[in-house]
Amino acid sequence: MKMKKAFLYIGMVSALLGSCTKDFNELNTNPTAIPSEQMEPNYMLSRTQYNYANTGYSQLLFQSMWTQVFASTFNYYSNGDKYVGSANLISYQNRIWEEDYQAASIATEIGRLAKDKGLDNLYNASVIMRILIMQHVTDCYGDVPYSEAFKAREGVVSPVYDTQESIYKSMLAELETVTAALDPSKDALTADLFYKGNIAQWKKLGYSLMLRTAMRLTKADAATARTYAEKAAAGGTFAGVADNARVMTDNSANFGNGTSAALLVTDDYRDVKWSKVLIDYMRRNNDPRLTIIGEIPQAGLKANEDASKAGDRDSSRQLGMPNGYDQRGGATDISRAPGYPGGTGPANDFAPLGNYSRPTTALYTNRSGVEFVLTYAETELLLAEAAVRGWNVGGTAAAHYANGLTGALQSMATFNAEIGTFTPTQISSYVNAHPLDQSSTEASLKQINEQYWATTGTLFNFIETWCNWRRSGYPQLTPVVYVGNFSGGTIPRRIPYHSTEGANNPSGYQDAVSRLGGTDNFTSRMWWDK
């Protein structure tokens, strides 16, 4: 009943915020004409949480395949699999900008109303949400409007593009202030999809987000990274999977899981496969997740397209599909890929991809399923890296790494407890068999960050997978080189700005592009991506 109420609140706020549009300048205006005294800002919290968490569709189109977690021969996914623009490339380029700035505008309005009403905890939570969302934006695009964003009330309609360095340092300072100020004795959060109002868990979220934000800077500003990683650890990060920040969606209330919905579209269901890189990694490591994440469809094209027909989850049969292939009959046709296993079914019902592993239907395609935001497993793996670097984050690198593996396996049950639950014995056996390689600093960093890639990838948090791959360089991926690609045969390192920004905010846009070397493209490296 509490979940239904929370999504009812989302619906109410959706109606109130219906005037928000895709254009950033319009998003930067007052999102409601309702007088402040008539608004209950707690109701808006669930809206911004859902908006932020439910970006799975955007991630599928780009980051899931840029990081070679998924692969697809379907032209619709050429943006991700082959870095070749499909018909809707500009729409996909704009999507994260639009969705996240809208969510951040709501978080900002929550903070304004909460301050007016003396709701201290809600204000602090709204700042954490705004930072969580805006980290998405800057991590995808680079320098973006931050300090002057959402200030149309004050007459700012063409906000400056702040440097990513200044954005990150502002986010860290803000997180330190608001996380410390959260107080269980003060106001309750009454429409909270993450923690049902548990302030102690919000505090851990604030410090876990501080840790992740700090670790982004290991190459760009190691001193700042260390300072805030140590502060986060001292403050108290996630202590177990019960602290995972996540949203359980509710399709019956018309707030369903966008990732699941996309994967259930017939073409997507048939053509989106786990990549060869990921499946091979899991097989080399005897990873127990291989027994649950993938399935080989039943034989034949019709069966491949029928979500009611469960596939074969035998781990020995799972086979990842290589990235960079198509079904056009030429040199890059999937049938010419090394190790092509052949299709399934008779000639009149032939499934050319039928022997490749798709995401397990019963695990991943629940329209009311979970959307992960930030997890204990990620946090522990980041603490393991910080410890490897010699930073004072409490505990050893080996212990944090073991905790990360444990949390990664435990989190799978949130998708589907029947399929995704590993026994304590299974978990301890895997963890004990895969201790942290401490033969060298580089060996440790490689192992930690490859595990981070596999963990965020199998938890469908693909933007984070991409961000940490760019930061760490692990795993070492081989780019796809396909005719007509938009990245010079390299894996994209950013998304070009929203297509209307050059016209709507020319001064800010041109200033930002000049700092990229004069070209707004997919290959320029942002500040922290050294």
Foldseek 3Di string as FASTA:
>chain_A
DLLVVLLVLLVVVCVQQVVQDQDQLSLLEDSGPDDLVPDDLLSLQSNLLLLQLQPLVLCQLAQLQLLQQKAFQDLSNCCHQVQFDDPCNLVSLSPLVRSLSNSLLSLVVSLVSCVVVVQLQSNLLSLLSNLLSVVLVCQFAFFAFDPCGSVVVVVDSQGFGHGPVVSLVVSLVSLVVSLVVQDPVGDFSCSHQFQNRDSVLSSQSSLLVQLVSLLLQCPQCVVSSLVSNQVSLVSHHDDAQNSFGKGQFDVVSVSWRNNLVVCLPQSNQLTMFGAQVLLVVCVVLVNPCLLFFWFQFDFFQVRSRDLVGFGHSPSVQAGHQHGQAHCPPDCRHSVNDPPQPAWGDDPVGTRRCRSHIHTGSQQPNDRRAMRTSGGLLLSLLSVLLSQLVVRPSDDHSQVSNLSSQLRLQCVSCRSPVVRRDDDPVVSVVSSVVDTADVPDSLSRLQVSLQVVLSSCSSSSVSSVSLSSCLLRVPPPDQFHHDPNRFANRRSFSHRFHNPCCCPSNVVNNQVVCVVQVNDRGRHGHHSSRD
